[in-house]
Amino acid sequence: MTTALPRADVAPVASAKRRRRAPGWLAVAPLLVFTAVAFGLPALAIVNGAFSADDATTGASHYTGANVTASLQGPYLTALLGSVKLSAISAALGALLGLPLAQAVVSSRSRWLREAVLTASGVLANFGGVPLAFAFVATLGNAGVLTVHLGLKDSGWNLYSFWGLVLVYLYFLIPLMVLTITPALDGLRTQWREAALNNGANGVQYWRHVALPVLAPSLLGGLVLLFGSAFAAYATAAAMVGSAVPLVTLQIADALSGNVLVGQENVALALSLDMVLVAGLVMAVYLPLQRRSARWLDA
């Protein structure tokens, strides 16, 4: 038989619990403040600038939707669609090529091979910008080593084109896909394959009806990550193709620097808002499927 605590003892116990919880909230507070400052303030500045304009006569600032309208017309719309197309194709190819590579690493019995591939993927996934552009220009540019020795220029090869940029993006997207999908492949249980084989399924049927449905949310998550990396890339494309391939990041840089028209800074902010909305739409599709994948792989 349990005896209830006297009312005089209840208050000290509750007070002690609150004191134990307080350090946890205090530890999280700096992170919350940093998140609000590093992400919240720039987001508010983008939204405010995207819907603001300065009067040419008085210089007074007022709110308008002209910047957002302009960002969805003419060359700005072409650049936005070009970035979406480039990112989607690069992400799809990166996922298709990265999945079998990751599966080969996971199924390998060699521990050093697994560690070597994952370490190299971690390095290559973060190798971008001007150094990556220079490496490809020196290798596959108009006067690159492989271009000259293999006679690629005579066959119509052009690195400074849409598909040349896709090839360069795959250099860091494939390793990124390997890093992203490897934990999900590790979560596939051998019992599932054994059960499928015992019921008469072959390897193709196992992947089609068991493995891929379970991996689908994780694959989509990797695809979203690859899409975002390609969509936000700037330095590599700027150093390689310049304005030859219309991309929204290059249009933002031109608008901010006034290379095309002076006074288009707020249009650049509107283009940035368009990028945020595209990324938000993709994430809205990804998050529900990620929760579904977690139920299977963590079971």
C-alpha atoms as a PDB file:
ATOM      1  CA  MET A   1       0.000   0.000   0.000  1.00  0.00           C
ATOM      2  CA  THR A   2       1.445   3.334  -1.059  1.00  0.00           C
ATOM      3  CA  THR A   3       1.227   6.439   1.071  1.00  0.00           C
ATOM      4  CA  ALA A   4       0.644   9.803  -0.596  1.00  0.00           C
ATOM      5  CA  LEU A   5       3.150  12.529   0.126  1.00  0.00           C
ATOM      6  CA  PRO A   6       1.962  15.286   2.431  1.00  0.00           C
ATOM      7  CA  ARG A   7       1.020  18.506   0.699  1.00  0.00           C
ATOM      8  CA  ALA A   8       3.982  20.210   2.344  1.00  0.00           C
ATOM      9  CA  ASP A   9       6.359  17.842   0.531  1.00  0.00           C
ATOM     10  CA  VAL A  10       4.760  18.141  -2.929  1.00  0.00           C
ATOM     11  CA  ALA A  11       5.910  21.708  -3.572  1.00  0.00           C
ATOM     12  CA  PRO A  12       9.620  21.036  -2.867  1.00  0.00           C
ATOM     13  CA  VAL A  13       9.568  17.972  -5.170  1.00  0.00           C
ATOM     14  CA  ALA A  14       7.995  19.983  -8.019  1.00  0.00           C
ATOM     15  CA  SER A  15      10.455  22.804  -7.428  1.00  0.00           C
ATOM     16  CA  ALA A  16      13.382  20.368  -7.585  1.00  0.00           C
ATOM     17  CA  LYS A  17      12.131  18.984 -10.921  1.00  0.00           C
ATOM     18  CA  ARG A  18      11.924  22.487 -12.377  1.00  0.00           C
ATOM     19  CA  ARG A  19      15.489  23.200 -11.229  1.00  0.00           C
ATOM     20  CA  ARG A  20      16.721  20.025 -12.923  1.00  0.00           C
ATOM     21  CA  ARG A  21      15.011  20.984 -16.209  1.00  0.00           C
ATOM     22  CA  ALA A  22      16.291  24.554 -16.246  1.00  0.00           C
ATOM     23  CA  PRO A  23      19.927  23.779 -17.266  1.00  0.00           C
ATOM     24  CA  GLY A  24      18.661  21.862 -20.332  1.00  0.00           C
ATOM     25  CA  TRP A  25      16.729  24.874 -21.633  1.00  0.00           C
ATOM     26  CA  LEU A  26      19.626  27.173 -20.845  1.00  0.00           C
ATOM     27  CA  ALA A  27      21.947  24.949 -22.878  1.00  0.00           C
ATOM     28  CA  VAL A  28      19.628  25.115 -25.913  1.00  0.00           C
ATOM     29  CA  ALA A  29      19.071  28.883 -25.656  1.00  0.00           C
ATOM     30  CA  PRO A  30      22.352  29.908 -27.386  1.00  0.00           C
ATOM     31  CA  LEU A  31      21.541  27.616 -30.318  1.00  0.00           C
ATOM     32  CA  LEU A  32      18.060  29.107 -30.625  1.00  0.00           C
ATOM     33  CA  VAL A  33      19.469  32.624 -30.520  1.00  0.00           C
ATOM     34  CA  PHE A  34      22.098  31.768 -33.129  1.00  0.00           C
ATOM     35  CA  THR A  35      19.439  30.203 -35.393  1.00  0.00           C
ATOM     36  CA  ALA A  36      17.217  33.255 -35.076  1.00  0.00           C
ATOM     37  CA  VAL A  37      20.078  35.633 -35.881  1.00  0.00           C
ATOM     38  CA  ALA A  38      21.790  33.585 -38.609  1.00  0.00           C
ATOM     39  CA  PHE A  39      18.646  32.430 -40.419  1.00  0.00           C
ATOM     40  CA  GLY A  40      15.710  34.468 -39.193  1.00  0.00           C
ATOM     41  CA  LEU A  41      17.110  37.950 -39.789  1.00  0.00           C
ATOM     42  CA  PRO A  42      18.378  37.222 -43.332  1.00  0.00           C
ATOM     43  CA  ALA A  43      15.035  35.638 -44.195  1.00  0.00           C
ATOM     44  CA  LEU A  44      13.159  38.710 -42.979  1.00  0.00           C
ATOM     45  CA  ALA A  45      15.545  40.952 -44.915  1.00  0.00           C
ATOM     46  CA  ILE A  46      14.944  38.960 -48.108  1.00  0.00           C
ATOM     47  CA  VAL A  47      11.168  39.115 -47.734  1.00  0.00           C
ATOM     48  CA  ASN A  48      11.223  42.820 -46.895  1.00  0.00           C
ATOM     49  CA  GLY A  49      13.527  43.680 -49.803  1.00  0.00           C
ATOM     50  CA  ALA A  50      11.648  41.502 -52.283  1.00  0.00           C
ATOM     51  CA  PHE A  51       8.466  43.494 -51.687  1.00  0.00           C
ATOM     52  CA  SER A  52      10.111  46.941 -51.412  1.00  0.00           C
ATOM     53  CA  ALA A  53      11.024  49.531 -54.011  1.00  0.00           C
ATOM     54  CA  ASP A  54      12.435  53.055 -53.953  1.00  0.00           C
ATOM     55  CA  ASP A  55      10.635  55.898 -55.656  1.00  0.00           C
ATOM     56  CA  ALA A  56      12.830  57.284 -58.472  1.00  0.00           C
ATOM     57  CA  THR A  57      11.819  60.886 -57.719  1.00  0.00           C
ATOM     58  CA  THR A  58      11.635  61.159 -53.950  1.00  0.00           C
ATOM     59  CA  GLY A  59      13.742  58.150 -52.987  1.00  0.00           C
ATOM     60  CA  ALA A  60      11.085  57.044 -50.542  1.00  0.00           C
ATOM     61  CA  SER A  61      10.675  53.319 -50.009  1.00  0.00           C
ATOM     62  CA  HIS A  62       7.308  51.645 -50.440  1.00  0.00           C
ATOM     63  CA  TYR A  63       5.958  48.106 -50.630  1.00  0.00           C
ATOM     64  CA  THR A  64       5.116  46.621 -54.018  1.00  0.00           C
ATOM     65  CA  GLY A  65       4.890  43.317 -55.803  1.00  0.00           C
ATOM     66  CA  ALA A  66       6.700  44.570 -58.901  1.00  0.00           C
ATOM     67  CA  ASN A  67       9.988  42.900 -57.941  1.00  0.00           C
ATOM     68  CA  VAL A  68       8.420  39.466 -57.586  1.00  0.00           C
ATOM     69  CA  THR A  69       6.525  39.962 -60.846  1.00  0.00           C
ATOM     70  CA  ALA A  70       9.739  40.940 -62.625  1.00  0.00           C
ATOM     71  CA  SER A  71      11.557  37.905 -61.210  1.00  0.00           C
ATOM     72  CA  LEU A  72       9.020  35.648 -62.933  1.00  0.00           C
ATOM     73  CA  GLN A  73       9.308  37.214 -66.364  1.00  0.00           C
ATOM     74  CA  GLY A  74      11.784  37.423 -69.223  1.00  0.00           C
ATOM     75  CA  PRO A  75      15.401  36.407 -68.613  1.00  0.00           C
ATOM     76  CA  TYR A  76      14.826  35.961 -64.881  1.00  0.00           C
ATOM     77  CA  LEU A  77      12.195  33.283 -65.486  1.00  0.00           C
ATOM     78  CA  THR A  78      14.465  31.633 -68.070  1.00  0.00           C
ATOM     79  CA  ALA A  79      17.288  31.540 -65.520  1.00  0.00           C
ATOM     80  CA  LEU A  80      15.021  30.129 -62.797  1.00  0.00           C
ATOM     81  CA  LEU A  81      13.747  27.363 -65.077  1.00  0.00           C
ATOM     82  CA  GLY A  82      17.294  26.708 -66.257  1.00  0.00           C
ATOM     83  CA  SER A  83      18.464  26.210 -62.665  1.00  0.00           C
ATOM     84  CA  VAL A  84      15.557  23.876 -61.930  1.00  0.00           C
ATOM     85  CA  LYS A  85      16.290  21.858 -65.076  1.00  0.00           C
ATOM     86  CA  LEU A  86      20.026  21.651 -64.376  1.00  0.00           C
ATOM     87  CA  SER A  87      19.471  20.712 -60.738  1.00  0.00           C
ATOM     88  CA  ALA A  88      16.818  18.089 -61.519  1.00  0.00           C
ATOM     89  CA  ILE A  89      18.887  16.359 -64.210  1.00  0.00           C
ATOM     90  CA  SER A  90      22.088  16.480 -62.163  1.00  0.00           C
ATOM     91  CA  ALA A  91      20.315  15.184 -59.057  1.00  0.00           C
ATOM     92  CA  ALA A  92      18.605  12.350 -60.953  1.00  0.00           C
ATOM     93  CA  LEU A  93      21.855  11.223 -62.578  1.00  0.00           C
ATOM     94  CA  GLY A  94      23.715  11.552 -59.290  1.00  0.00           C
ATOM     95  CA  ALA A  95      21.121   9.394 -57.524  1.00  0.00           C
ATOM     96  CA  LEU A  96      21.106   6.752 -60.273  1.00  0.00           C
ATOM     97  CA  LEU A  97      24.891   6.484 -60.280  1.00  0.00           C
ATOM     98  CA  GLY A  98      25.410   6.886 -56.552  1.00  0.00           C
ATOM     99  CA  LEU A  99      22.942   4.172 -55.458  1.00  0.00           C
ATOM    100  CA  PRO A 100      24.708   1.183 -57.089  1.00  0.00           C
ATOM    101  CA  LEU A 101      28.090   2.525 -55.953  1.00  0.00           C
ATOM    102  CA  ALA A 102      26.849   2.777 -52.372  1.00  0.00           C
ATOM    103  CA  GLN A 103      25.335  -0.714 -52.573  1.00  0.00           C
ATOM    104  CA  ALA A 104      28.641  -2.110 -53.820  1.00  0.00           C
ATOM    105  CA  VAL A 105      30.390  -0.500 -50.868  1.00  0.00           C
ATOM    106  CA  VAL A 106      27.829  -1.786 -48.343  1.00  0.00           C
ATOM    107  CA  SER A 107      27.848  -5.343 -49.700  1.00  0.00           C
ATOM    108  CA  SER A 108      31.653  -5.472 -49.922  1.00  0.00           C
ATOM    109  CA  ARG A 109      33.421  -7.641 -47.387  1.00  0.00           C
ATOM    110  CA  SER A 110      36.489  -5.454 -47.514  1.00  0.00           C
ATOM    111  CA  ARG A 111      36.483  -3.018 -44.609  1.00  0.00           C
ATOM    112  CA  TRP A 112      39.330  -0.915 -45.990  1.00  0.00           C
ATOM    113  CA  LEU A 113      37.468  -0.494 -49.307  1.00  0.00           C
ATOM    114  CA  ARG A 114      34.380   0.756 -47.500  1.00  0.00           C
ATOM    115  CA  GLU A 115      36.378   3.190 -45.398  1.00  0.00           C
ATOM    116  CA  ALA A 116      38.382   4.392 -48.401  1.00  0.00           C
ATOM    117  CA  VAL A 117      35.284   5.027 -50.527  1.00  0.00           C
ATOM    118  CA  LEU A 118      33.383   6.794 -47.749  1.00  0.00           C
ATOM    119  CA  THR A 119      36.403   8.929 -46.863  1.00  0.00           C
ATOM    120  CA  ALA A 120      36.954   9.878 -50.492  1.00  0.00           C
ATOM    121  CA  SER A 121      33.241  10.640 -50.857  1.00  0.00           C
ATOM    122  CA  GLY A 122      33.381  12.946 -47.861  1.00  0.00           C
ATOM    123  CA  VAL A 123      36.239  14.874 -49.450  1.00  0.00           C
ATOM    124  CA  LEU A 124      34.871  14.996 -53.000  1.00  0.00           C
ATOM    125  CA  ALA A 125      31.371  15.977 -51.866  1.00  0.00           C
ATOM    126  CA  ASN A 126      32.838  19.213 -50.496  1.00  0.00           C
ATOM    127  CA  PHE A 127      35.162  19.879 -53.423  1.00  0.00           C
ATOM    128  CA  GLY A 128      33.602  22.617 -55.534  1.00  0.00           C
ATOM    129  CA  GLY A 129      33.816  26.227 -56.525  1.00  0.00           C
ATOM    130  CA  VAL A 130      36.658  27.703 -58.565  1.00  0.00           C
ATOM    131  CA  PRO A 131      39.160  24.860 -57.871  1.00  0.00           C
ATOM    132  CA  LEU A 132      36.728  22.312 -59.310  1.00  0.00           C
ATOM    133  CA  ALA A 133      36.083  24.502 -62.349  1.00  0.00           C
ATOM    134  CA  PHE A 134      39.824  24.935 -62.924  1.00  0.00           C
ATOM    135  CA  ALA A 135      40.401  21.162 -62.646  1.00  0.00           C
ATOM    136  CA  PHE A 136      37.817  20.432 -65.335  1.00  0.00           C
ATOM    137  CA  VAL A 137      38.969  23.273 -67.585  1.00  0.00           C
ATOM    138  CA  ALA A 138      42.535  21.952 -67.419  1.00  0.00           C
ATOM    139  CA  THR A 139      41.328  18.423 -68.128  1.00  0.00           C
ATOM    140  CA  LEU A 140      38.322  18.703 -70.457  1.00  0.00           C
ATOM    141  CA  GLY A 141      38.380  22.333 -71.584  1.00  0.00           C
ATOM    142  CA  ASN A 142      39.015  23.420 -75.168  1.00  0.00           C
ATOM    143  CA  ALA A 143      42.762  22.968 -74.638  1.00  0.00           C
ATOM    144  CA  GLY A 144      42.495  20.405 -71.823  1.00  0.00           C
ATOM    145  CA  VAL A 145      44.744  17.388 -71.555  1.00  0.00           C
ATOM    146  CA  LEU A 146      42.095  14.784 -72.356  1.00  0.00           C
ATOM    147  CA  THR A 147      40.420  16.989 -74.954  1.00  0.00           C
ATOM    148  CA  VAL A 148      43.667  17.260 -76.936  1.00  0.00           C
ATOM    149  CA  HIS A 149      44.841  13.645 -76.543  1.00  0.00           C
ATOM    150  CA  LEU A 150      41.452  12.069 -77.269  1.00  0.00           C
ATOM    151  CA  GLY A 151      40.444  14.530 -79.998  1.00  0.00           C
ATOM    152  CA  LEU A 152      37.184  15.381 -78.241  1.00  0.00           C
ATOM    153  CA  LYS A 153      36.984  18.834 -79.790  1.00  0.00           C
ATOM    154  CA  ASP A 154      36.716  17.343 -83.284  1.00  0.00           C
ATOM    155  CA  SER A 155      33.678  15.330 -82.177  1.00  0.00           C
ATOM    156  CA  GLY A 156      31.851  18.441 -80.945  1.00  0.00           C
ATOM    157  CA  TRP A 157      32.665  18.246 -77.235  1.00  0.00           C
ATOM    158  CA  ASN A 158      32.105  21.507 -75.373  1.00  0.00           C
ATOM    159  CA  LEU A 159      32.677  21.711 -71.637  1.00  0.00           C
ATOM    160  CA  TYR A 160      31.213  25.219 -71.441  1.00  0.00           C
ATOM    161  CA  SER A 161      27.645  24.094 -72.088  1.00  0.00           C
ATOM    162  CA  PHE A 162      24.643  22.765 -70.200  1.00  0.00           C
ATOM    163  CA  TRP A 163      25.764  19.130 -70.335  1.00  0.00           C
ATOM    164  CA  GLY A 164      29.330  20.087 -69.526  1.00  0.00           C
ATOM    165  CA  LEU A 165      28.055  21.734 -66.372  1.00  0.00           C
ATOM    166  CA  VAL A 166      26.021  18.610 -65.557  1.00  0.00           C
ATOM    167  CA  LEU A 167      29.214  16.549 -65.819  1.00  0.00           C
ATOM    168  CA  VAL A 168      31.034  18.881 -63.449  1.00  0.00           C
ATOM    169  CA  TYR A 169      28.183  18.835 -60.930  1.00  0.00           C
ATOM    170  CA  LEU A 170      28.165  15.034 -60.929  1.00  0.00           C
ATOM    171  CA  TYR A 171      31.731  15.139 -59.612  1.00  0.00           C
ATOM    172  CA  PHE A 172      30.477  16.213 -56.185  1.00  0.00           C
ATOM    173  CA  LEU A 173      26.862  15.013 -56.353  1.00  0.00           C
ATOM    174  CA  ILE A 174      27.665  11.304 -56.767  1.00  0.00           C
ATOM    175  CA  PRO A 175      29.879  11.198 -53.633  1.00  0.00           C
ATOM    176  CA  LEU A 176      27.214  13.153 -51.776  1.00  0.00           C
ATOM    177  CA  MET A 177      24.623  10.547 -52.757  1.00  0.00           C
ATOM    178  CA  VAL A 178      26.928   7.766 -51.538  1.00  0.00           C
ATOM    179  CA  LEU A 179      27.219   9.423 -48.143  1.00  0.00           C
ATOM    180  CA  THR A 180      23.464  10.032 -47.959  1.00  0.00           C
ATOM    181  CA  ILE A 181      22.142   6.618 -48.975  1.00  0.00           C
ATOM    182  CA  THR A 182      24.731   4.364 -47.268  1.00  0.00           C
ATOM    183  CA  PRO A 183      23.064   4.498 -43.797  1.00  0.00           C
ATOM    184  CA  ALA A 184      19.723   3.559 -45.382  1.00  0.00           C
ATOM    185  CA  LEU A 185      21.316   0.618 -47.220  1.00  0.00           C
ATOM    186  CA  ASP A 186      22.849  -0.506 -43.931  1.00  0.00           C
ATOM    187  CA  GLY A 187      19.322  -0.510 -42.503  1.00  0.00           C
ATOM    188  CA  LEU A 188      18.088  -3.141 -44.978  1.00  0.00           C
ATOM    189  CA  ARG A 189      17.865  -6.400 -43.050  1.00  0.00           C
ATOM    190  CA  THR A 190      19.244  -9.645 -44.406  1.00  0.00           C
ATOM    191  CA  GLN A 191      16.087 -11.387 -43.165  1.00  0.00           C
ATOM    192  CA  TRP A 192      14.040  -9.478 -45.745  1.00  0.00           C
ATOM    193  CA  ARG A 193      16.206 -10.751 -48.605  1.00  0.00           C
ATOM    194  CA  GLU A 194      16.195 -14.276 -47.216  1.00  0.00           C
ATOM    195  CA  ALA A 195      12.411 -14.230 -46.838  1.00  0.00           C
ATOM    196  CA  ALA A 196      11.993 -12.986 -50.414  1.00  0.00           C
ATOM    197  CA  LEU A 197      14.333 -15.644 -51.794  1.00  0.00           C
ATOM    198  CA  ASN A 198      12.615 -18.401 -49.784  1.00  0.00           C
ATOM    199  CA  ASN A 199       9.314 -17.352 -51.348  1.00  0.00           C
ATOM    200  CA  GLY A 200      10.700 -17.749 -54.863  1.00  0.00           C
ATOM    201  CA  ALA A 201      11.751 -14.170 -55.633  1.00  0.00           C
ATOM    202  CA  ASN A 202      14.956 -13.432 -57.496  1.00  0.00           C
ATOM    203  CA  GLY A 203      17.309 -10.516 -56.941  1.00  0.00           C
ATOM    204  CA  VAL A 204      15.471  -8.179 -59.291  1.00  0.00           C
ATOM    205  CA  GLN A 205      12.107  -8.926 -57.700  1.00  0.00           C
ATOM    206  CA  TYR A 206      13.566  -8.403 -54.223  1.00  0.00           C
ATOM    207  CA  TRP A 207      14.823  -4.942 -55.164  1.00  0.00           C
ATOM    208  CA  ARG A 208      11.631  -4.051 -57.001  1.00  0.00           C
ATOM    209  CA  HIS A 209       9.089  -5.172 -54.404  1.00  0.00           C
ATOM    210  CA  VAL A 210      10.995  -4.981 -51.099  1.00  0.00           C
ATOM    211  CA  ALA A 211      14.199  -2.950 -51.069  1.00  0.00           C
ATOM    212  CA  LEU A 212      13.285  -0.033 -53.318  1.00  0.00           C
ATOM    213  CA  PRO A 213       9.881   0.632 -51.677  1.00  0.00           C
ATOM    214  CA  VAL A 214      11.595   0.732 -48.282  1.00  0.00           C
ATOM    215  CA  LEU A 215      14.423   2.896 -49.630  1.00  0.00           C
ATOM    216  CA  ALA A 216      12.115   5.188 -51.640  1.00  0.00           C
ATOM    217  CA  PRO A 217      11.810   7.909 -48.963  1.00  0.00           C
ATOM    218  CA  SER A 218      15.556   7.840 -48.330  1.00  0.00           C
ATOM    219  CA  LEU A 219      16.227   7.967 -52.069  1.00  0.00           C
ATOM    220  CA  LEU A 220      13.898  10.920 -52.374  1.00  0.00           C
ATOM    221  CA  GLY A 221      15.671  12.558 -49.451  1.00  0.00           C
ATOM    222  CA  GLY A 222      19.010  12.093 -51.179  1.00  0.00           C
ATOM    223  CA  LEU A 223      17.504  13.424 -54.396  1.00  0.00           C
ATOM    224  CA  VAL A 224      16.276  16.513 -52.554  1.00  0.00           C
ATOM    225  CA  LEU A 225      19.714  17.051 -51.023  1.00  0.00           C
ATOM    226  CA  LEU A 226      21.400  16.714 -54.409  1.00  0.00           C
ATOM    227  CA  PHE A 227      18.843  19.038 -55.979  1.00  0.00           C
ATOM    228  CA  GLY A 228      19.460  21.660 -53.308  1.00  0.00           C
ATOM    229  CA  SER A 229      23.239  21.431 -53.661  1.00  0.00           C
ATOM    230  CA  ALA A 230      23.067  21.869 -57.422  1.00  0.00           C
ATOM    231  CA  PHE A 231      20.377  24.558 -57.204  1.00  0.00           C
ATOM    232  CA  ALA A 232      22.428  26.718 -54.838  1.00  0.00           C
ATOM    233  CA  ALA A 233      25.807  26.230 -56.552  1.00  0.00           C
ATOM    234  CA  TYR A 234      27.299  29.470 -57.856  1.00  0.00           C
ATOM    235  CA  ALA A 235      31.099  29.670 -57.966  1.00  0.00           C
ATOM    236  CA  THR A 236      31.646  26.631 -60.192  1.00  0.00           C
ATOM    237  CA  ALA A 237      29.119  27.785 -62.797  1.00  0.00           C
ATOM    238  CA  ALA A 238      30.327  31.395 -62.654  1.00  0.00           C
ATOM    239  CA  ALA A 239      33.949  30.369 -63.237  1.00  0.00           C
ATOM    240  CA  MET A 240      33.118  27.916 -66.015  1.00  0.00           C
ATOM    241  CA  VAL A 241      30.226  29.122 -68.150  1.00  0.00           C
ATOM    242  CA  GLY A 242      29.548  32.707 -67.062  1.00  0.00           C
ATOM    243  CA  SER A 243      26.391  33.830 -68.851  1.00  0.00           C
ATOM    244  CA  ALA A 244      26.500  31.045 -71.450  1.00  0.00           C
ATOM    245  CA  VAL A 245      24.092  28.969 -69.372  1.00  0.00           C
ATOM    246  CA  PRO A 246      21.260  30.991 -67.735  1.00  0.00           C
ATOM    247  CA  LEU A 247      21.113  30.218 -64.019  1.00  0.00           C
ATOM    248  CA  VAL A 248      19.253  32.017 -61.254  1.00  0.00           C
ATOM    249  CA  THR A 249      22.320  32.278 -59.012  1.00  0.00           C
ATOM    250  CA  LEU A 250      24.220  34.058 -61.778  1.00  0.00           C
ATOM    251  CA  GLN A 251      21.265  36.388 -62.362  1.00  0.00           C
ATOM    252  CA  ILE A 252      21.207  37.248 -58.651  1.00  0.00           C
ATOM    253  CA  ALA A 253      24.907  38.090 -58.723  1.00  0.00           C
ATOM    254  CA  ASP A 254      24.473  40.260 -61.836  1.00  0.00           C
ATOM    255  CA  ALA A 255      21.514  42.091 -60.315  1.00  0.00           C
ATOM    256  CA  LEU A 256      23.326  42.746 -57.040  1.00  0.00           C
ATOM    257  CA  SER A 257      26.481  44.007 -58.757  1.00  0.00           C
ATOM    258  CA  GLY A 258      24.608  46.053 -61.368  1.00  0.00           C
ATOM    259  CA  ASN A 259      26.310  44.308 -64.296  1.00  0.00           C
ATOM    260  CA  VAL A 260      23.107  44.419 -66.347  1.00  0.00           C
ATOM    261  CA  LEU A 261      20.927  47.202 -64.945  1.00  0.00           C
ATOM    262  CA  VAL A 262      21.561  49.569 -62.060  1.00  0.00           C
ATOM    263  CA  GLY A 263      19.048  49.507 -59.209  1.00  0.00           C
ATOM    264  CA  GLN A 264      18.001  45.850 -59.548  1.00  0.00           C
ATOM    265  CA  GLU A 265      19.100  44.824 -56.060  1.00  0.00           C
ATOM    266  CA  ASN A 266      15.526  44.219 -54.906  1.00  0.00           C
ATOM    267  CA  VAL A 267      14.863  42.042 -57.949  1.00  0.00           C
ATOM    268  CA  ALA A 268      17.819  39.947 -56.812  1.00  0.00           C
ATOM    269  CA  LEU A 269      16.127  39.585 -53.425  1.00  0.00           C
ATOM    270  CA  ALA A 270      12.922  38.543 -55.188  1.00  0.00           C
ATOM    271  CA  LEU A 271      14.890  35.899 -57.090  1.00  0.00           C
ATOM    272  CA  SER A 272      16.314  34.712 -53.780  1.00  0.00           C
ATOM    273  CA  LEU A 273      12.774  34.447 -52.437  1.00  0.00           C
ATOM    274  CA  ASP A 274      11.842  32.362 -55.486  1.00  0.00           C
ATOM    275  CA  MET A 275      14.726  30.006 -54.680  1.00  0.00           C
ATOM    276  CA  VAL A 276      13.559  29.693 -51.064  1.00  0.00           C
ATOM    277  CA  LEU A 277      10.027  28.858 -52.218  1.00  0.00           C
ATOM    278  CA  VAL A 278      11.292  26.180 -54.616  1.00  0.00           C
ATOM    279  CA  ALA A 279      13.399  24.629 -51.846  1.00  0.00           C
ATOM    280  CA  GLY A 280      10.452  24.790 -49.437  1.00  0.00           C
ATOM    281  CA  LEU A 281       8.170  23.055 -51.932  1.00  0.00           C
ATOM    282  CA  VAL A 282      10.653  20.234 -52.386  1.00  0.00           C
ATOM    283  CA  MET A 283      11.093  19.819 -48.632  1.00  0.00           C
ATOM    284  CA  ALA A 284       7.321  19.722 -48.140  1.00  0.00           C
ATOM    285  CA  VAL A 285       7.262  16.598 -50.318  1.00  0.00           C
ATOM    286  CA  TYR A 286      10.280  15.033 -48.618  1.00  0.00           C
ATOM    287  CA  LEU A 287       9.442  15.307 -44.911  1.00  0.00           C
ATOM    288  CA  PRO A 288       6.305  13.079 -44.818  1.00  0.00           C
ATOM    289  CA  LEU A 289       8.085  10.362 -46.785  1.00  0.00           C
ATOM    290  CA  GLN A 290      11.118  10.544 -44.507  1.00  0.00           C
ATOM    291  CA  ARG A 291       8.932   9.769 -41.498  1.00  0.00           C
ATOM    292  CA  ARG A 292       7.532   6.769 -43.357  1.00  0.00           C
ATOM    293  CA  SER A 293      11.037   5.483 -44.093  1.00  0.00           C
ATOM    294  CA  ALA A 294      12.073   5.845 -40.457  1.00  0.00           C
ATOM    295  CA  ARG A 295       9.272   3.500 -39.364  1.00  0.00           C
ATOM    296  CA  TRP A 296      10.677   0.714 -41.543  1.00  0.00           C
ATOM    297  CA  LEU A 297      14.422   1.166 -41.034  1.00  0.00           C
ATOM    298  CA  ASP A 298      14.204   1.801 -37.269  1.00  0.00           C
ATOM    299  CA  ALA A 299      11.772  -1.017 -36.581  1.00  0.00           C
END
